């Protein structure tokens, strides 16, 4: 499916640099969701098959200080706070969540499909290729936006068991966007709501 959006030059510069170096590069997550809703994204996330080290070699003004491979590409010239830092993260495959908070292991991948499969909700699991105008929507996220529905990628109980904070995120997204929560997703939230007791106050506050 093809779509055309007005993408800020600061964002296009990052994806073009990656693609010109032979890598894949897609906008992903909340920014794609917001554009499909006709809203201006609050931040811009890019996913790629390049490793953090290769990403940093392409962008002199960047930083990498986390366990998930996310590289922050800094744009000093812009005054727009949403464009000051563009986050670029390699495609990832996550291991089991034995603590119900974070994956035990994170492996970088060459597959966009594998990366989208691990994401929380269908409305956040779409990717967009800027030059091709290609929208990658494997889980009917665009339809869920039209239907104003929050629905997990895959089995709801599995998604919430991996990270209980996703329960709060589902409620927050539904409230912020004016969406309703899918019936199966809501059932899982009610069943697993007690697992929020295991989440630190700091993580709950940040969410």
N, C-alpha and C. Protein backbone atom coordinates (compact mmCIF):
# COMPACT_ATOMS: atom_id res chain seq x y z
N UNK A 1 0.84 -1.19 0.00
CA UNK A 1 0.00 0.00 0.00
C UNK A 1 0.88 1.25 0.00
N UNK A 2 0.56 2.21 -0.84
CA UNK A 2 1.36 3.43 -0.91
C UNK A 2 0.60 4.62 -0.32
N UNK A 3 1.36 5.48 0.38
CA UNK A 3 0.83 6.69 0.99
C UNK A 3 1.88 7.78 0.81
N UNK A 4 1.43 9.02 0.76
CA UNK A 4 2.37 10.13 0.68
C UNK A 4 2.12 11.09 1.85
N UNK A 5 3.20 11.39 2.57
CA UNK A 5 3.12 12.31 3.70
C UNK A 5 4.19 13.39 3.53
N UNK A 6 3.98 14.52 4.16
CA UNK A 6 5.00 15.56 4.21
C UNK A 6 5.95 15.25 5.36
N UNK A 7 7.15 14.82 5.03
CA UNK A 7 8.13 14.43 6.04
C UNK A 7 9.15 15.55 6.21
N UNK A 8 9.45 15.95 7.45
CA UNK A 8 10.47 16.99 7.66
C UNK A 8 11.81 16.59 7.06
N UNK A 9 12.53 17.57 6.54
CA UNK A 9 13.81 17.28 5.87
C UNK A 9 14.81 16.65 6.83
N UNK A 10 14.72 16.99 8.12
CA UNK A 10 15.64 16.42 9.10
C UNK A 10 15.45 14.91 9.22
N UNK A 11 14.22 14.47 9.07
CA UNK A 11 13.91 13.04 9.14
C UNK A 11 14.32 12.34 7.84
N UNK A 12 13.96 12.95 6.72
CA UNK A 12 14.31 12.37 5.41
C UNK A 12 15.82 12.24 5.25
N UNK A 13 16.56 13.21 5.79
CA UNK A 13 18.02 13.16 5.69
C UNK A 13 18.57 11.90 6.35
N UNK A 14 18.00 11.51 7.49
CA UNK A 14 18.47 10.33 8.20
C UNK A 14 18.16 9.06 7.41
N UNK A 15 16.93 8.93 6.93
CA UNK A 15 16.58 7.72 6.18
C UNK A 15 17.35 7.64 4.86
N UNK A 16 17.54 8.78 4.20
CA UNK A 16 18.29 8.80 2.94
C UNK A 16 19.74 8.40 3.16
N UNK A 17 20.33 8.87 4.24
CA UNK A 17 21.73 8.53 4.54
C UNK A 17 21.87 7.03 4.73
N UNK A 18 20.97 6.44 5.47
CA UNK A 18 21.00 4.99 5.69
C UNK A 18 20.79 4.23 4.38
N UNK A 19 19.81 4.64 3.60
CA UNK A 19 19.50 3.95 2.35
C UNK A 19 20.61 4.11 1.32
N UNK A 20 21.23 5.28 1.28
CA UNK A 20 22.33 5.49 0.34
C UNK A 20 23.56 4.67 0.71
N UNK A 21 23.63 4.27 1.99
CA UNK A 21 24.74 3.42 2.43
C UNK A 21 24.42 1.93 2.25
N UNK A 22 23.25 1.65 1.68
CA UNK A 22 22.89 0.27 1.38
C UNK A 22 22.01 -0.41 2.41
N UNK A 23 21.51 0.36 3.38
CA UNK A 23 20.67 -0.21 4.43
C UNK A 23 19.19 0.09 4.18
N UNK A 24 18.34 -0.71 4.80
CA UNK A 24 16.91 -0.40 4.82
C UNK A 24 16.66 0.65 5.89
N UNK A 25 15.61 1.45 5.72
CA UNK A 25 15.26 2.45 6.73
C UNK A 25 13.78 2.77 6.62
N UNK A 26 13.08 2.61 7.72
CA UNK A 26 11.64 2.87 7.76
C UNK A 26 11.29 3.74 8.97
N UNK A 27 10.35 4.65 8.80
CA UNK A 27 9.71 5.26 9.95
C UNK A 27 8.86 4.18 10.60
N UNK A 28 8.74 4.23 11.94
CA UNK A 28 8.04 3.15 12.61
C UNK A 28 7.35 3.66 13.87
N UNK A 29 6.30 2.95 14.28
CA UNK A 29 5.68 3.22 15.57
C UNK A 29 4.73 4.40 15.59
N UNK A 30 4.83 5.16 16.67
CA UNK A 30 3.89 6.25 16.91
C UNK A 30 3.85 7.32 15.85
N UNK A 31 4.99 7.60 15.22
CA UNK A 31 4.99 8.66 14.20
C UNK A 31 4.17 8.24 12.98
N UNK A 32 4.22 6.96 12.61
CA UNK A 32 3.41 6.47 11.49
C UNK A 32 1.93 6.53 11.87
N UNK A 33 1.64 6.09 13.08
CA UNK A 33 0.25 6.16 13.57
C UNK A 33 -0.29 7.59 13.52
N UNK A 34 0.52 8.53 14.01
CA UNK A 34 0.08 9.93 14.06
C UNK A 34 -0.15 10.49 12.66
N UNK A 35 0.75 10.19 11.73
CA UNK A 35 0.58 10.69 10.36
C UNK A 35 -0.69 10.15 9.72
N UNK A 36 -0.98 8.88 9.96
CA UNK A 36 -2.20 8.29 9.41
C UNK A 36 -3.45 8.93 10.00
N UNK A 37 -3.32 9.47 11.20
CA UNK A 37 -4.45 10.16 11.85
C UNK A 37 -4.49 11.64 11.48
N UNK A 38 -3.54 12.09 10.65
CA UNK A 38 -3.51 13.49 10.26
C UNK A 38 -2.93 14.39 11.33
N UNK A 39 -2.18 13.80 12.28
CA UNK A 39 -1.58 14.56 13.37
C UNK A 39 -0.09 14.74 13.13
N UNK A 40 0.50 15.77 13.76
CA UNK A 40 1.94 15.95 13.71
C UNK A 40 2.60 15.08 14.77
N UNK A 41 3.52 14.20 14.39
CA UNK A 41 4.18 13.34 15.37
C UNK A 41 4.92 14.14 16.44
N UNK A 42 4.89 13.61 17.67
CA UNK A 42 5.61 14.25 18.78
C UNK A 42 7.08 13.85 18.78
N UNK A 43 7.39 12.75 18.13
CA UNK A 43 8.78 12.32 17.95
C UNK A 43 8.84 11.42 16.72
N UNK A 44 10.08 11.19 16.27
CA UNK A 44 10.29 10.43 15.04
C UNK A 44 11.22 9.26 15.31
N UNK A 45 10.76 8.06 14.99
CA UNK A 45 11.56 6.86 15.19
C UNK A 45 11.78 6.16 13.86
N UNK A 46 13.01 5.71 13.68
CA UNK A 46 13.40 5.01 12.45
C UNK A 46 13.93 3.64 12.83
N UNK A 47 13.60 2.63 12.05
CA UNK A 47 14.15 1.29 12.26
C UNK A 47 14.90 0.87 11.00
N UNK A 48 15.95 0.07 11.19
CA UNK A 48 16.87 -0.24 10.10
C UNK A 48 17.53 -1.60 10.32
N UNK A 49 18.12 -2.16 9.27
CA UNK A 49 18.90 -3.38 9.42
C UNK A 49 20.38 -3.09 9.68
N UNK A 50 20.73 -1.83 9.89
CA UNK A 50 22.10 -1.47 10.26
C UNK A 50 22.30 -1.65 11.76
N UNK A 51 23.49 -2.08 12.17
CA UNK A 51 23.80 -2.20 13.60
C UNK A 51 24.09 -0.83 14.19
N UNK A 52 24.06 -0.69 15.52
CA UNK A 52 24.35 0.62 16.13
C UNK A 52 25.70 1.19 15.70
N UNK A 53 26.70 0.32 15.60
CA UNK A 53 28.03 0.79 15.22
C UNK A 53 28.04 1.35 13.80
N UNK A 54 27.32 0.68 12.91
CA UNK A 54 27.26 1.16 11.52
C UNK A 54 26.43 2.43 11.41
N UNK A 55 25.39 2.53 12.24
CA UNK A 55 24.59 3.76 12.25
C UNK A 55 25.44 4.94 12.68
N UNK A 56 26.20 4.75 13.76
CA UNK A 56 27.01 5.85 14.28
C UNK A 56 28.09 6.30 13.30
N UNK A 57 28.62 5.37 12.52
CA UNK A 57 29.63 5.75 11.53
C UNK A 57 29.06 6.68 10.47
N UNK A 58 27.76 6.59 10.24
CA UNK A 58 27.13 7.42 9.22
C UNK A 58 26.75 8.80 9.73
N UNK A 59 26.64 8.94 11.06
CA UNK A 59 26.19 10.21 11.64
C UNK A 59 27.18 10.66 12.70
N UNK A 60 27.94 11.67 12.34
CA UNK A 60 28.99 12.16 13.24
C UNK A 60 28.42 12.65 14.57
N UNK A 61 27.30 13.35 14.49
CA UNK A 61 26.68 13.91 15.70
C UNK A 61 25.59 12.95 16.18
N UNK A 62 25.99 11.93 16.93
CA UNK A 62 25.03 10.93 17.41
C UNK A 62 25.52 10.34 18.72
N UNK A 63 24.62 9.66 19.43
CA UNK A 63 25.00 9.04 20.71
C UNK A 63 24.28 7.70 20.86
N UNK A 64 24.89 6.83 21.65
CA UNK A 64 24.37 5.46 21.82
C UNK A 64 24.67 5.03 23.25
N UNK A 65 23.65 5.06 24.12
CA UNK A 65 23.87 4.80 25.55
C UNK A 65 22.74 3.95 26.12
N UNK A 66 22.46 2.80 25.53
CA UNK A 66 21.36 1.97 26.02
C UNK A 66 21.58 0.52 25.62
N UNK A 67 20.72 -0.35 26.12
CA UNK A 67 20.85 -1.79 25.85
C UNK A 67 20.05 -2.25 24.64
N UNK A 68 19.33 -1.34 24.00
CA UNK A 68 18.42 -1.75 22.94
C UNK A 68 18.92 -1.38 21.55
N UNK A 69 20.10 -0.79 21.47
CA UNK A 69 20.66 -0.47 20.16
C UNK A 69 20.23 0.85 19.59
N UNK A 70 19.46 1.64 20.35
CA UNK A 70 18.95 2.91 19.82
C UNK A 70 20.04 3.96 19.75
N UNK A 71 20.21 4.53 18.57
CA UNK A 71 21.18 5.61 18.35
C UNK A 71 20.40 6.92 18.18
N UNK A 72 20.78 7.93 18.93
CA UNK A 72 20.16 9.24 18.79
C UNK A 72 20.95 10.08 17.79
N UNK A 73 20.31 10.48 16.70
CA UNK A 73 20.96 11.35 15.70
C UNK A 73 20.53 12.78 16.00
N UNK A 74 21.51 13.64 16.28
CA UNK A 74 21.25 15.00 16.74
C UNK A 74 21.17 15.97 15.57
N UNK A 75 20.16 16.82 15.58
CA UNK A 75 20.01 17.90 14.59
C UNK A 75 20.12 19.23 15.33
N UNK A 76 21.29 19.82 15.32
CA UNK A 76 21.52 21.05 16.07
C UNK A 76 20.90 22.27 15.39
N UNK A 77 20.70 22.19 14.08
CA UNK A 77 20.26 23.37 13.33
C UNK A 77 18.79 23.71 13.59
N UNK A 78 17.98 22.72 13.92
CA UNK A 78 16.54 22.96 14.03
C UNK A 78 16.15 23.52 15.40
N UNK A 79 15.09 24.31 15.41
CA UNK A 79 14.52 24.82 16.66
C UNK A 79 13.34 23.97 17.11
N UNK A 80 12.88 23.08 16.24
CA UNK A 80 11.74 22.22 16.53
C UNK A 80 12.17 21.10 17.49
N UNK A 81 11.61 21.08 18.69
CA UNK A 81 12.02 20.11 19.70
C UNK A 81 11.75 18.67 19.26
N UNK A 82 10.74 18.47 18.43
CA UNK A 82 10.42 17.11 17.98
C UNK A 82 11.46 16.57 17.00
N UNK A 83 12.32 17.46 16.49
CA UNK A 83 13.31 17.06 15.49
C UNK A 83 14.74 17.16 15.99
N UNK A 84 14.92 17.58 17.25
CA UNK A 84 16.26 17.74 17.81
C UNK A 84 17.03 16.43 17.81
N UNK A 85 16.34 15.35 18.17
CA UNK A 85 16.97 14.02 18.18
C UNK A 85 16.05 13.04 17.45
N UNK A 86 16.58 12.41 16.41
CA UNK A 86 15.87 11.36 15.69
C UNK A 86 16.43 10.03 16.17
N UNK A 87 15.57 9.15 16.69
CA UNK A 87 16.05 7.87 17.21
C UNK A 87 16.04 6.81 16.11
N UNK A 88 17.19 6.14 15.98
CA UNK A 88 17.34 5.08 14.98
C UNK A 88 17.68 3.79 15.70
N UNK A 89 16.86 2.76 15.51
CA UNK A 89 17.04 1.50 16.22
C UNK A 89 17.10 0.34 15.23
N UNK A 90 18.05 -0.57 15.42
CA UNK A 90 18.10 -1.75 14.54
C UNK A 90 16.86 -2.62 14.70
N UNK A 91 16.52 -3.36 13.65
CA UNK A 91 15.49 -4.39 13.79
C UNK A 91 15.89 -5.29 14.96
N UNK A 92 14.90 -5.69 15.76
CA UNK A 92 15.23 -6.48 16.95
C UNK A 92 14.35 -7.73 17.05
N UNK A 93 14.94 -8.75 17.68
CA UNK A 93 14.19 -9.92 18.14
C UNK A 93 14.42 -9.99 19.64
N UNK A 94 13.34 -10.12 20.39
CA UNK A 94 13.47 -10.13 21.85
C UNK A 94 13.27 -11.54 22.39
N UNK A 95 14.05 -11.87 23.45
CA UNK A 95 13.90 -13.16 24.10
C UNK A 95 12.73 -13.16 25.06
N UNK A 96 12.71 -14.13 25.97
CA UNK A 96 11.63 -14.23 26.94
C UNK A 96 11.69 -13.10 27.96
N UNK A 97 10.54 -12.79 28.54
CA UNK A 97 10.43 -11.77 29.59
C UNK A 97 10.20 -12.49 30.92
N UNK A 98 11.23 -13.05 31.51
CA UNK A 98 11.02 -13.83 32.73
C UNK A 98 10.68 -12.96 33.93
N UNK A 99 11.04 -11.68 33.88
CA UNK A 99 10.71 -10.80 35.01
C UNK A 99 9.44 -9.98 34.78
N UNK A 100 8.78 -10.17 33.63
CA UNK A 100 7.55 -9.44 33.34
C UNK A 100 7.77 -7.96 33.12
N UNK A 101 9.01 -7.58 32.80
CA UNK A 101 9.31 -6.16 32.61
C UNK A 101 10.13 -5.90 31.35
N UNK A 102 11.24 -6.65 31.24
CA UNK A 102 12.15 -6.42 30.10
C UNK A 102 12.57 -7.77 29.52
N UNK A 103 12.90 -7.79 28.23
CA UNK A 103 13.35 -9.06 27.64
C UNK A 103 14.69 -9.49 28.21
N UNK A 104 14.85 -10.80 28.42
CA UNK A 104 16.12 -11.32 28.93
C UNK A 104 17.25 -11.07 27.94
N UNK A 105 16.91 -11.16 26.66
CA UNK A 105 17.91 -10.97 25.61
C UNK A 105 17.32 -10.14 24.48
N UNK A 106 18.18 -9.38 23.84
CA UNK A 106 17.79 -8.63 22.64
C UNK A 106 18.81 -8.94 21.55
N UNK A 107 18.33 -9.39 20.41
CA UNK A 107 19.22 -9.69 19.28
C UNK A 107 18.84 -8.80 18.11
N UNK A 108 19.84 -8.28 17.43
CA UNK A 108 19.57 -7.49 16.23
C UNK A 108 19.23 -8.44 15.08
N UNK A 109 18.39 -7.95 14.18
CA UNK A 109 17.85 -8.80 13.12
C UNK A 109 17.99 -8.12 11.76
N UNK A 110 17.84 -8.90 10.70
CA UNK A 110 17.81 -8.36 9.34
C UNK A 110 16.39 -8.26 8.81
N UNK A 111 15.41 -8.56 9.66
CA UNK A 111 14.03 -8.69 9.19
C UNK A 111 13.12 -7.63 9.80
N UNK A 112 12.54 -6.79 8.95
CA UNK A 112 11.54 -5.84 9.42
C UNK A 112 10.34 -6.57 9.99
N UNK A 113 9.94 -7.67 9.36
CA UNK A 113 8.77 -8.42 9.82
C UNK A 113 8.97 -8.92 11.24
N UNK A 114 10.17 -9.41 11.56
CA UNK A 114 10.45 -9.88 12.92
C UNK A 114 10.37 -8.72 13.91
N UNK A 115 10.83 -7.56 13.51
CA UNK A 115 10.79 -6.40 14.39
C UNK A 115 9.35 -5.97 14.67
N UNK A 116 8.53 -5.93 13.65
CA UNK A 116 7.14 -5.50 13.84
C UNK A 116 6.36 -6.50 14.68
N UNK A 117 6.74 -7.76 14.59
CA UNK A 117 6.02 -8.82 15.31
C UNK A 117 6.14 -8.67 16.83
N UNK A 118 7.22 -8.05 17.30
CA UNK A 118 7.44 -7.94 18.74
C UNK A 118 6.75 -6.72 19.35
N UNK A 119 6.14 -5.88 18.55
CA UNK A 119 5.60 -4.61 19.05
C UNK A 119 4.28 -4.80 19.78
N UNK A 120 3.89 -3.77 20.55
CA UNK A 120 2.79 -3.93 21.49
C UNK A 120 1.40 -3.94 20.85
N UNK A 121 1.05 -2.87 20.14
CA UNK A 121 -0.31 -2.73 19.60
C UNK A 121 -0.27 -2.54 18.09
N UNK A 122 -1.32 -2.96 17.43
CA UNK A 122 -1.35 -2.90 15.97
C UNK A 122 -1.17 -1.49 15.44
N UNK A 123 -1.70 -0.50 16.16
CA UNK A 123 -1.58 0.89 15.68
C UNK A 123 -0.15 1.40 15.79
N UNK A 124 0.70 0.67 16.55
CA UNK A 124 2.11 1.04 16.69
C UNK A 124 3.03 0.11 15.90
N UNK A 125 2.45 -0.80 15.14
CA UNK A 125 3.25 -1.84 14.47
C UNK A 125 3.28 -1.67 12.96
N UNK A 126 3.27 -0.42 12.52
CA UNK A 126 3.35 -0.14 11.08
C UNK A 126 4.66 0.57 10.77
N UNK A 127 5.16 0.36 9.57
CA UNK A 127 6.40 1.00 9.13
C UNK A 127 6.16 1.70 7.80
N UNK A 128 6.98 2.73 7.54
CA UNK A 128 6.77 3.54 6.33
C UNK A 128 8.10 3.85 5.67
N UNK A 129 8.19 3.48 4.38
CA UNK A 129 9.37 3.77 3.57
C UNK A 129 9.13 5.09 2.84
N UNK A 130 9.93 6.11 3.15
CA UNK A 130 9.66 7.46 2.63
C UNK A 130 9.75 7.55 1.11
N UNK A 131 10.89 7.18 0.47
CA UNK A 131 10.97 7.40 -0.98
C UNK A 131 9.95 6.58 -1.78
N UNK A 132 9.63 5.39 -1.31
CA UNK A 132 8.66 4.54 -2.02
C UNK A 132 7.22 4.89 -1.66
N UNK A 133 7.03 5.62 -0.55
CA UNK A 133 5.68 5.88 -0.08
C UNK A 133 4.98 4.60 0.34
N UNK A 134 5.77 3.61 0.77
CA UNK A 134 5.26 2.27 1.07
C UNK A 134 4.89 2.14 2.55
N UNK A 135 3.64 1.79 2.83
CA UNK A 135 3.19 1.53 4.19
C UNK A 135 3.19 0.02 4.42
N UNK A 136 3.95 -0.44 5.41
CA UNK A 136 3.98 -1.85 5.77
C UNK A 136 3.06 -2.04 6.97
N UNK A 137 1.97 -2.74 6.76
CA UNK A 137 0.94 -2.91 7.79
C UNK A 137 0.54 -4.38 7.84
N UNK A 138 1.26 -5.15 8.63
CA UNK A 138 1.06 -6.60 8.67
C UNK A 138 -0.06 -7.02 9.62
N UNK A 139 -0.49 -6.11 10.49
CA UNK A 139 -1.44 -6.48 11.55
C UNK A 139 -2.71 -5.63 11.53
N UNK A 140 -3.02 -5.06 10.37
CA UNK A 140 -4.25 -4.28 10.18
C UNK A 140 -4.34 -3.08 11.12
N UNK A 141 -3.21 -2.45 11.34
CA UNK A 141 -3.19 -1.27 12.19
C UNK A 141 -3.95 -0.11 11.59
N UNK A 142 -3.88 0.04 10.28
CA UNK A 142 -4.60 1.13 9.63
C UNK A 142 -6.11 0.96 9.81
N UNK A 143 -6.58 -0.26 9.70
CA UNK A 143 -8.01 -0.52 9.91
C UNK A 143 -8.40 -0.24 11.35
N UNK A 144 -7.51 -0.59 12.29
CA UNK A 144 -7.81 -0.32 13.70
C UNK A 144 -7.84 1.18 13.99
N UNK A 145 -7.02 1.95 13.27
CA UNK A 145 -7.10 3.40 13.41
C UNK A 145 -8.46 3.89 12.92
N UNK A 146 -8.89 3.39 11.78
CA UNK A 146 -10.21 3.78 11.24
C UNK A 146 -11.33 3.38 12.19
N UNK A 147 -11.17 2.20 12.82
CA UNK A 147 -12.20 1.70 13.74
C UNK A 147 -12.03 2.25 15.15
N UNK A 148 -10.95 3.02 15.35
CA UNK A 148 -10.63 3.59 16.67
C UNK A 148 -10.54 2.50 17.74
N UNK A 149 -9.68 1.53 17.45
CA UNK A 149 -9.55 0.35 18.31
C UNK A 149 -8.09 0.13 18.74
N UNK A 150 -7.90 -0.17 20.02
CA UNK A 150 -6.60 -0.57 20.53
C UNK A 150 -6.60 -2.09 20.64
N UNK A 151 -5.68 -2.74 19.94
CA UNK A 151 -5.62 -4.20 19.89
C UNK A 151 -4.17 -4.62 19.90
N UNK A 152 -3.85 -5.67 20.62
CA UNK A 152 -2.46 -6.11 20.70
C UNK A 152 -2.03 -6.81 19.41
N UNK A 153 -0.73 -6.81 19.19
CA UNK A 153 -0.13 -7.63 18.14
C UNK A 153 -0.02 -9.04 18.71
N UNK A 154 -0.70 -9.99 18.13
CA UNK A 154 -0.67 -11.34 18.68
C UNK A 154 -1.59 -11.49 19.87
N UNK A 155 -1.34 -12.52 20.68
CA UNK A 155 -2.22 -12.84 21.81
C UNK A 155 -2.08 -11.81 22.92
N UNK A 156 -3.20 -11.22 23.37
CA UNK A 156 -3.13 -10.18 24.41
C UNK A 156 -2.46 -10.65 25.70
N UNK A 157 -2.81 -11.84 26.17
CA UNK A 157 -2.23 -12.32 27.43
C UNK A 157 -0.72 -12.45 27.33
N UNK A 158 -0.26 -12.88 26.18
CA UNK A 158 1.19 -13.02 25.97
C UNK A 158 1.87 -11.66 25.99
N UNK A 159 1.29 -10.68 25.31
CA UNK A 159 1.87 -9.33 25.27
C UNK A 159 1.93 -8.70 26.66
N UNK A 160 0.86 -8.85 27.44
CA UNK A 160 0.82 -8.23 28.77
C UNK A 160 1.64 -9.01 29.78
N UNK A 161 1.79 -10.32 29.58
CA UNK A 161 2.64 -11.11 30.47
C UNK A 161 4.10 -10.76 30.26
N UNK A 162 4.46 -10.41 29.02
CA UNK A 162 5.83 -10.00 28.73
C UNK A 162 6.18 -8.74 29.50
N UNK A 163 5.29 -7.76 29.44
CA UNK A 163 5.52 -6.47 30.11
C UNK A 163 4.19 -5.91 30.57
N UNK A 164 3.97 -5.96 31.89
CA UNK A 164 2.68 -5.51 32.45
C UNK A 164 2.43 -4.03 32.20
N UNK A 165 3.50 -3.27 31.97
CA UNK A 165 3.32 -1.84 31.74
C UNK A 165 2.49 -1.58 30.47
N UNK A 166 2.44 -2.56 29.58
CA UNK A 166 1.63 -2.41 28.37
C UNK A 166 0.14 -2.28 28.71
N UNK A 167 -0.25 -2.77 29.87
CA UNK A 167 -1.65 -2.61 30.30
C UNK A 167 -1.96 -1.13 30.46
N UNK A 168 -1.09 -0.42 31.16
CA UNK A 168 -1.28 1.02 31.33
C UNK A 168 -1.19 1.75 30.00
N UNK A 169 -0.28 1.27 29.15
CA UNK A 169 -0.10 1.92 27.85
C UNK A 169 -1.37 1.79 27.01
N UNK A 170 -2.01 0.65 27.08
CA UNK A 170 -3.26 0.45 26.33
C UNK A 170 -4.33 1.43 26.79
N UNK A 171 -4.44 1.59 28.10
CA UNK A 171 -5.44 2.51 28.65
C UNK A 171 -5.09 3.95 28.29
N UNK A 172 -3.80 4.29 28.39
CA UNK A 172 -3.37 5.65 28.07
C UNK A 172 -3.63 5.97 26.60
N UNK A 173 -3.27 5.05 25.71
CA UNK A 173 -3.49 5.27 24.28
C UNK A 173 -4.97 5.44 23.97
N UNK A 174 -5.78 4.57 24.55
CA UNK A 174 -7.22 4.65 24.30
C UNK A 174 -7.77 6.00 24.76
N UNK A 175 -7.29 6.47 25.90
CA UNK A 175 -7.75 7.75 26.43
C UNK A 175 -7.27 8.92 25.58
N UNK A 176 -5.98 8.91 25.24
CA UNK A 176 -5.40 10.01 24.46
C UNK A 176 -5.99 10.10 23.06
N UNK A 177 -6.20 8.95 22.44
CA UNK A 177 -6.66 8.93 21.05
C UNK A 177 -8.18 8.91 20.91
N UNK A 178 -8.87 8.68 22.03
CA UNK A 178 -10.32 8.56 21.95
C UNK A 178 -10.75 7.24 21.33
N UNK A 179 -9.93 6.19 21.53
CA UNK A 179 -10.20 4.87 20.99
C UNK A 179 -10.84 3.99 22.06
N UNK A 180 -11.38 2.86 21.64
CA UNK A 180 -11.85 1.84 22.59
C UNK A 180 -10.90 0.65 22.53
N UNK A 181 -10.88 -0.11 23.62
CA UNK A 181 -9.99 -1.27 23.69
C UNK A 181 -10.74 -2.51 23.19
N UNK A 182 -10.12 -3.22 22.28
CA UNK A 182 -10.67 -4.46 21.71
C UNK A 182 -11.11 -5.43 22.83
N UNK A 183 -12.17 -6.19 22.61
CA UNK A 183 -12.75 -7.05 23.65
C UNK A 183 -11.74 -8.04 24.21
N UNK A 184 -11.01 -8.75 23.33
CA UNK A 184 -10.03 -9.73 23.80
C UNK A 184 -8.90 -9.06 24.57
N UNK A 185 -8.50 -7.88 24.09
CA UNK A 185 -7.45 -7.13 24.78
C UNK A 185 -7.94 -6.69 26.15
N UNK A 186 -9.18 -6.25 26.24
CA UNK A 186 -9.76 -5.81 27.51
C UNK A 186 -9.86 -6.97 28.50
N UNK A 187 -10.25 -8.14 28.02
CA UNK A 187 -10.34 -9.32 28.89
C UNK A 187 -8.98 -9.64 29.51
N UNK A 188 -7.93 -9.56 28.69
CA UNK A 188 -6.58 -9.85 29.18
C UNK A 188 -6.13 -8.80 30.19
N UNK A 189 -6.51 -7.55 29.97
CA UNK A 189 -6.16 -6.48 30.91
C UNK A 189 -6.78 -6.77 32.28
N UNK A 190 -8.06 -7.13 32.29
CA UNK A 190 -8.74 -7.42 33.56
C UNK A 190 -8.12 -8.63 34.25
N UNK A 191 -7.77 -9.63 33.47
CA UNK A 191 -7.20 -10.86 34.03
C UNK A 191 -5.82 -10.63 34.63
N UNK A 192 -5.04 -9.77 34.00
CA UNK A 192 -3.63 -9.60 34.40
C UNK A 192 -3.35 -8.28 35.10
N UNK A 193 -4.39 -7.55 35.46
CA UNK A 193 -4.18 -6.22 36.06
C UNK A 193 -3.36 -6.28 37.35
N UNK A 194 -3.46 -7.38 38.08
CA UNK A 194 -2.71 -7.49 39.34
C UNK A 194 -1.21 -7.53 39.12
N UNK A 195 -0.76 -7.87 37.91
CA UNK A 195 0.68 -7.93 37.64
C UNK A 195 1.32 -6.55 37.65
N UNK A 196 0.50 -5.50 37.61
CA UNK A 196 1.05 -4.14 37.69
C UNK A 196 1.71 -3.89 39.03
N UNK A 197 1.37 -4.69 40.04
CA UNK A 197 1.98 -4.53 41.36
C UNK A 197 3.48 -4.80 41.32
N UNK A 198 3.92 -5.53 40.30
CA UNK A 198 5.34 -5.86 40.19
C UNK A 198 6.15 -4.79 39.46
N UNK A 199 5.47 -3.76 38.96
CA UNK A 199 6.14 -2.71 38.21
C UNK A 199 6.56 -1.58 39.15
N UNK A 200 7.77 -1.09 38.97
CA UNK A 200 8.28 -0.03 39.84
C UNK A 200 7.49 1.27 39.63
N UNK A 201 7.44 2.08 40.68
CA UNK A 201 6.74 3.36 40.60
C UNK A 201 7.37 4.26 39.54
N UNK A 202 8.69 4.13 39.37
CA UNK A 202 9.40 4.96 38.38
C UNK A 202 8.93 4.65 36.97
N UNK A 203 8.80 3.36 36.64
CA UNK A 203 8.35 2.98 35.30
C UNK A 203 6.90 3.39 35.07
N UNK A 204 6.08 3.24 36.10
CA UNK A 204 4.68 3.65 35.98
C UNK A 204 4.59 5.15 35.76
N UNK A 205 5.39 5.90 36.50
CA UNK A 205 5.41 7.36 36.35
C UNK A 205 5.84 7.76 34.95
N UNK A 206 6.88 7.10 34.42
CA UNK A 206 7.40 7.44 33.09
C UNK A 206 6.38 7.14 32.00
N UNK A 207 5.59 6.09 32.20
CA UNK A 207 4.57 5.73 31.21
C UNK A 207 3.46 6.78 31.18
